[in-house]
Amino acid sequence: MPSPFPGMNPDLEHPDLWSEVHNRLVVALANIALLGLNYRKLAARLQP
Protein backbone atom coordinates (compact mmCIF):
# COMPACT_ATOMS: atom_id res chain seq x y z
CA MET A 1 0.00 0.00 0.00
CA PRO A 2 1.44 3.41 -0.90
CA SER A 3 2.01 6.04 1.76
CA PRO A 4 -1.08 8.15 2.54
CA PHE A 5 1.22 11.18 2.80
CA PRO A 6 3.29 11.49 -0.37
CA GLY A 7 6.64 13.16 0.15
CA MET A 8 6.87 12.16 3.82
CA ASN A 9 9.10 9.41 5.14
CA PRO A 10 7.65 7.92 8.35
CA ASP A 11 11.01 6.35 9.22
CA LEU A 12 12.76 9.73 9.22
CA GLU A 13 9.93 11.47 11.04
CA HIS A 14 9.68 9.01 13.91
CA PRO A 15 8.68 10.78 17.16
CA ASP A 16 11.58 9.25 19.10
CA LEU A 17 14.02 10.97 16.75
CA TRP A 18 12.22 14.31 16.38
CA SER A 19 10.41 14.83 19.69
CA GLU A 20 12.12 18.14 20.55
CA VAL A 21 12.87 19.54 17.11
CA HIS A 22 9.86 21.87 16.96
CA ASN A 23 10.46 23.24 20.46
CA ARG A 24 14.16 23.80 19.85
CA LEU A 25 13.51 25.39 16.47
CA VAL A 26 10.97 27.84 17.90
CA VAL A 27 13.35 28.82 20.72
CA ALA A 28 16.27 29.28 18.33
CA LEU A 29 14.22 31.46 15.98
CA ALA A 30 12.95 33.54 18.91
CA ASN A 31 16.52 34.07 20.12
CA ILE A 32 17.62 35.21 16.66
CA ALA A 33 14.68 37.63 16.42
CA LEU A 34 15.44 39.00 19.89
CA LEU A 35 19.07 39.62 18.95
CA GLY A 36 17.93 41.61 15.92
CA LEU A 37 15.56 43.71 18.03
CA ASN A 38 18.24 44.39 20.63
CA TYR A 39 20.68 45.59 17.96
CA ARG A 40 18.05 47.93 16.51
CA LYS A 41 17.29 49.42 19.93
CA LEU A 42 21.00 49.89 20.63
CA ALA A 43 21.57 51.53 17.25
CA ALA A 44 18.62 53.88 17.83
CA ARG A 45 20.06 54.96 21.19
CA LEU A 46 23.53 55.56 19.75
CA GLN A 47 22.37 57.78 16.90
CA PRO A 48 22.80 61.52 17.61
PDB file of N, CA and C in Angstrom:
ATOM      1  N   MET A   1       0.841  -1.175   0.000  1.00  0.00           N
ATOM      2  CA  MET A   1       0.000   0.000   0.000  1.00  0.00           C
ATOM      3  C   MET A   1       0.891   1.245   0.000  1.00  0.00           C
ATOM      4  N   PRO A   2       0.622   2.193  -0.871  1.00  0.00           N
ATOM      5  CA  PRO A   2       1.436   3.410  -0.901  1.00  0.00           C
ATOM      6  C   PRO A   2       1.173   4.286   0.328  1.00  0.00           C
ATOM      7  N   SER A   3       2.122   5.140   0.612  1.00  0.00           N
ATOM      8  CA  SER A   3       2.006   6.037   1.761  1.00  0.00           C
ATOM      9  C   SER A   3       0.819   6.988   1.588  1.00  0.00           C
ATOM     10  N   PRO A   4       0.036   7.207   2.649  1.00  0.00           N
ATOM     11  CA  PRO A   4      -1.079   8.151   2.542  1.00  0.00           C
ATOM     12  C   PRO A   4      -0.604   9.606   2.495  1.00  0.00           C
ATOM     13  N   PHE A   5       0.660   9.832   2.813  1.00  0.00           N
ATOM     14  CA  PHE A   5       1.221  11.183   2.804  1.00  0.00           C
ATOM     15  C   PHE A   5       2.406  11.223   1.852  1.00  0.00           C
ATOM     16  N   PRO A   6       2.185  11.477   0.574  1.00  0.00           N
ATOM     17  CA  PRO A   6       3.292  11.493  -0.374  1.00  0.00           C
ATOM     18  C   PRO A   6       4.313  12.570  -0.005  1.00  0.00           C
ATOM     19  N   GLY A   7       5.571  12.220  -0.155  1.00  0.00           N
ATOM     20  CA  GLY A   7       6.638  13.158   0.153  1.00  0.00           C
ATOM     21  C   GLY A   7       7.119  13.080   1.587  1.00  0.00           C
ATOM     22  N   MET A   8       6.456  12.300   2.424  1.00  0.00           N
ATOM     23  CA  MET A   8       6.875  12.160   3.820  1.00  0.00           C
ATOM     24  C   MET A   8       7.451  10.766   4.029  1.00  0.00           C
ATOM     25  N   ASN A   9       8.484  10.685   4.826  1.00  0.00           N
ATOM     26  CA  ASN A   9       9.100   9.409   5.142  1.00  0.00           C
ATOM     27  C   ASN A   9       8.854   9.120   6.619  1.00  0.00           C
ATOM     28  N   PRO A  10       7.960   8.184   6.949  1.00  0.00           N
ATOM     29  CA  PRO A  10       7.651   7.917   8.351  1.00  0.00           C
ATOM     30  C   PRO A  10       8.849   7.427   9.152  1.00  0.00           C
ATOM     31  N   ASP A  11       9.825   6.801   8.489  1.00  0.00           N
ATOM     32  CA  ASP A  11      11.010   6.350   9.219  1.00  0.00           C
ATOM     33  C   ASP A  11      11.859   7.529   9.676  1.00  0.00           C
ATOM     34  N   LEU A  12      11.968   8.560   8.844  1.00  0.00           N
ATOM     35  CA  LEU A  12      12.758   9.732   9.216  1.00  0.00           C
ATOM     36  C   LEU A  12      12.024  10.642  10.191  1.00  0.00           C
ATOM     37  N   GLU A  13      10.707  10.584  10.196  1.00  0.00           N
ATOM     38  CA  GLU A  13       9.926  11.474  11.037  1.00  0.00           C
ATOM     39  C   GLU A  13       9.375  10.752  12.268  1.00  0.00           C
ATOM     40  N   HIS A  14      10.092   9.767  12.735  1.00  0.00           N
ATOM     41  CA  HIS A  14       9.680   9.010  13.911  1.00  0.00           C
ATOM     42  C   HIS A  14       9.733   9.913  15.145  1.00  0.00           C
ATOM     43  N   PRO A  15       8.719   9.887  15.996  1.00  0.00           N
ATOM     44  CA  PRO A  15       8.678  10.777  17.161  1.00  0.00           C
ATOM     45  C   PRO A  15       9.868  10.623  18.109  1.00  0.00           C
ATOM     46  N   ASP A  16      10.425   9.431  18.214  1.00  0.00           N
ATOM     47  CA  ASP A  16      11.577   9.249  19.101  1.00  0.00           C
ATOM     48  C   ASP A  16      12.788  10.031  18.616  1.00  0.00           C
ATOM     49  N   LEU A  17      12.886  10.241  17.306  1.00  0.00           N
ATOM     50  CA  LEU A  17      14.021  10.971  16.754  1.00  0.00           C
ATOM     51  C   LEU A  17      13.780  12.477  16.733  1.00  0.00           C
ATOM     52  N   TRP A  18      12.540  12.896  16.619  1.00  0.00           N
ATOM     53  CA  TRP A  18      12.224  14.308  16.379  1.00  0.00           C
ATOM     54  C   TRP A  18      11.342  14.915  17.466  1.00  0.00           C
ATOM     55  N   SER A  19      11.358  14.377  18.667  1.00  0.00           N
ATOM     56  CA  SER A  19      10.411  14.833  19.691  1.00  0.00           C
ATOM     57  C   SER A  19      10.622  16.281  20.103  1.00  0.00           C
ATOM     58  N   GLU A  20      11.861  16.776  20.082  1.00  0.00           N
ATOM     59  CA  GLU A  20      12.123  18.135  20.553  1.00  0.00           C
ATOM     60  C   GLU A  20      12.474  19.109  19.440  1.00  0.00           C
ATOM     61  N   VAL A  21      12.424  18.680  18.207  1.00  0.00           N
ATOM     62  CA  VAL A  21      12.866  19.543  17.106  1.00  0.00           C
ATOM     63  C   VAL A  21      12.024  20.808  17.023  1.00  0.00           C
ATOM     64  N   HIS A  22      10.714  20.686  17.096  1.00  0.00           N
ATOM     65  CA  HIS A  22       9.863  21.866  16.962  1.00  0.00           C
ATOM     66  C   HIS A  22      10.115  22.848  18.101  1.00  0.00           C
ATOM     67  N   ASN A  23      10.208  22.350  19.325  1.00  0.00           N
ATOM     68  CA  ASN A  23      10.455  23.236  20.462  1.00  0.00           C
ATOM     69  C   ASN A  23      11.797  23.940  20.326  1.00  0.00           C
ATOM     70  N   ARG A  24      12.834  23.199  19.989  1.00  0.00           N
ATOM     71  CA  ARG A  24      14.161  23.803  19.853  1.00  0.00           C
ATOM     72  C   ARG A  24      14.210  24.797  18.699  1.00  0.00           C
ATOM     73  N   LEU A  25      13.524  24.492  17.615  1.00  0.00           N
ATOM     74  CA  LEU A  25      13.507  25.388  16.467  1.00  0.00           C
ATOM     75  C   LEU A  25      12.812  26.702  16.812  1.00  0.00           C
ATOM     76  N   VAL A  26      11.694  26.629  17.511  1.00  0.00           N
ATOM     77  CA  VAL A  26      10.973  27.843  17.903  1.00  0.00           C
ATOM     78  C   VAL A  26      11.828  28.693  18.833  1.00  0.00           C
ATOM     79  N   VAL A  27      12.493  28.080  19.796  1.00  0.00           N
ATOM     80  CA  VAL A  27      13.346  28.824  20.723  1.00  0.00           C
ATOM     81  C   VAL A  27      14.516  29.460  19.984  1.00  0.00           C
ATOM     82  N   ALA A  28      15.138  28.733  19.080  1.00  0.00           N
ATOM     83  CA  ALA A  28      16.272  29.277  18.327  1.00  0.00           C
ATOM     84  C   ALA A  28      15.841  30.458  17.465  1.00  0.00           C
ATOM     85  N   LEU A  29      14.706  30.354  16.798  1.00  0.00           N
ATOM     86  CA  LEU A  29      14.216  31.462  15.976  1.00  0.00           C
ATOM     87  C   LEU A  29      13.850  32.671  16.835  1.00  0.00           C
ATOM     88  N   ALA A  30      13.275  32.437  18.004  1.00  0.00           N
ATOM     89  CA  ALA A  30      12.947  33.544  18.909  1.00  0.00           C
ATOM     90  C   ALA A  30      14.215  34.235  19.392  1.00  0.00           C
ATOM     91  N   ASN A  31      15.252  33.471  19.685  1.00  0.00           N
ATOM     92  CA  ASN A  31      16.521  34.069  20.117  1.00  0.00           C
ATOM     93  C   ASN A  31      17.133  34.918  19.011  1.00  0.00           C
ATOM     94  N   ILE A  32      17.075  34.450  17.792  1.00  0.00           N
ATOM     95  CA  ILE A  32      17.615  35.213  16.659  1.00  0.00           C
ATOM     96  C   ILE A  32      16.824  36.506  16.474  1.00  0.00           C
ATOM     97  N   ALA A  33      15.513  36.429  16.566  1.00  0.00           N
ATOM     98  CA  ALA A  33      14.683  37.628  16.420  1.00  0.00           C
ATOM     99  C   ALA A  33      14.967  38.618  17.542  1.00  0.00           C
ATOM    100  N   LEU A  34      15.150  38.126  18.749  1.00  0.00           N
ATOM    101  CA  LEU A  34      15.436  38.998  19.886  1.00  0.00           C
ATOM    102  C   LEU A  34      16.777  39.693  19.722  1.00  0.00           C
ATOM    103  N   LEU A  35      17.767  38.991  19.205  1.00  0.00           N
ATOM    104  CA  LEU A  35      19.065  39.621  18.948  1.00  0.00           C
ATOM    105  C   LEU A  35      18.915  40.766  17.959  1.00  0.00           C
ATOM    106  N   GLY A  36      18.157  40.558  16.914  1.00  0.00           N
ATOM    107  CA  GLY A  36      17.934  41.609  15.924  1.00  0.00           C
ATOM    108  C   GLY A  36      17.246  42.819  16.530  1.00  0.00           C
ATOM    109  N   LEU A  37      16.262  42.591  17.389  1.00  0.00           N
ATOM    110  CA  LEU A  37      15.563  43.707  18.029  1.00  0.00           C
ATOM    111  C   LEU A  37      16.483  44.459  18.973  1.00  0.00           C
ATOM    112  N   ASN A  38      17.319  43.740  19.710  1.00  0.00           N
ATOM    113  CA  ASN A  38      18.244  44.392  20.633  1.00  0.00           C
ATOM    114  C   ASN A  38      19.243  45.251  19.881  1.00  0.00           C
ATOM    115  N   TYR A  39      19.742  44.791  18.751  1.00  0.00           N
ATOM    116  CA  TYR A  39      20.683  45.589  17.964  1.00  0.00           C
ATOM    117  C   TYR A  39      20.014  46.846  17.425  1.00  0.00           C
ATOM    118  N   ARG A  40      18.762  46.744  17.019  1.00  0.00           N
ATOM    119  CA  ARG A  40      18.049  47.925  16.514  1.00  0.00           C
ATOM    120  C   ARG A  40      17.856  48.953  17.620  1.00  0.00           C
ATOM    121  N   LYS A  41      17.478  48.492  18.820  1.00  0.00           N
ATOM    122  CA  LYS A  41      17.287  49.423  19.930  1.00  0.00           C
ATOM    123  C   LYS A  41      18.606  50.083  20.310  1.00  0.00           C
ATOM    124  N   LEU A  42      19.688  49.339  20.307  1.00  0.00           N
ATOM    125  CA  LEU A  42      20.999  49.893  20.632  1.00  0.00           C
ATOM    126  C   LEU A  42      21.417  50.913  19.582  1.00  0.00           C
ATOM    127  N   ALA A  43      21.208  50.601  18.323  1.00  0.00           N
ATOM    128  CA  ALA A  43      21.572  51.529  17.249  1.00  0.00           C
ATOM    129  C   ALA A  43      20.741  52.807  17.339  1.00  0.00           C
ATOM    130  N   ALA A  44      19.478  52.692  17.702  1.00  0.00           N
ATOM    131  CA  ALA A  44      18.625  53.876  17.828  1.00  0.00           C
ATOM    132  C   ALA A  44      19.090  54.764  18.973  1.00  0.00           C
ATOM    133  N   ARG A  45      19.574  54.169  20.061  1.00  0.00           N
ATOM    134  CA  ARG A  45      20.059  54.963  21.194  1.00  0.00           C
ATOM    135  C   ARG A  45      21.386  55.630  20.888  1.00  0.00           C
ATOM    136  N   LEU A  46      22.207  55.020  20.039  1.00  0.00           N
ATOM    137  CA  LEU A  46      23.535  55.557  19.752  1.00  0.00           C
ATOM    138  C   LEU A  46      23.519  56.640  18.683  1.00  0.00           C
ATOM    139  N   GLN A  47      22.435  56.749  17.941  1.00  0.00           N
ATOM    140  CA  GLN A  47      22.374  57.775  16.900  1.00  0.00           C
ATOM    141  C   GLN A  47      22.191  59.147  17.544  1.00  0.00           C
ATOM    142  N   PRO A  48      22.906  60.167  17.023  1.00  0.00           N
ATOM    143  CA  PRO A  48      22.800  61.519  17.610  1.00  0.00           C
ATOM    144  C   PRO A  48      21.474  62.187  17.317  1.00  0.00           C
TER     145      PRO A  48
END
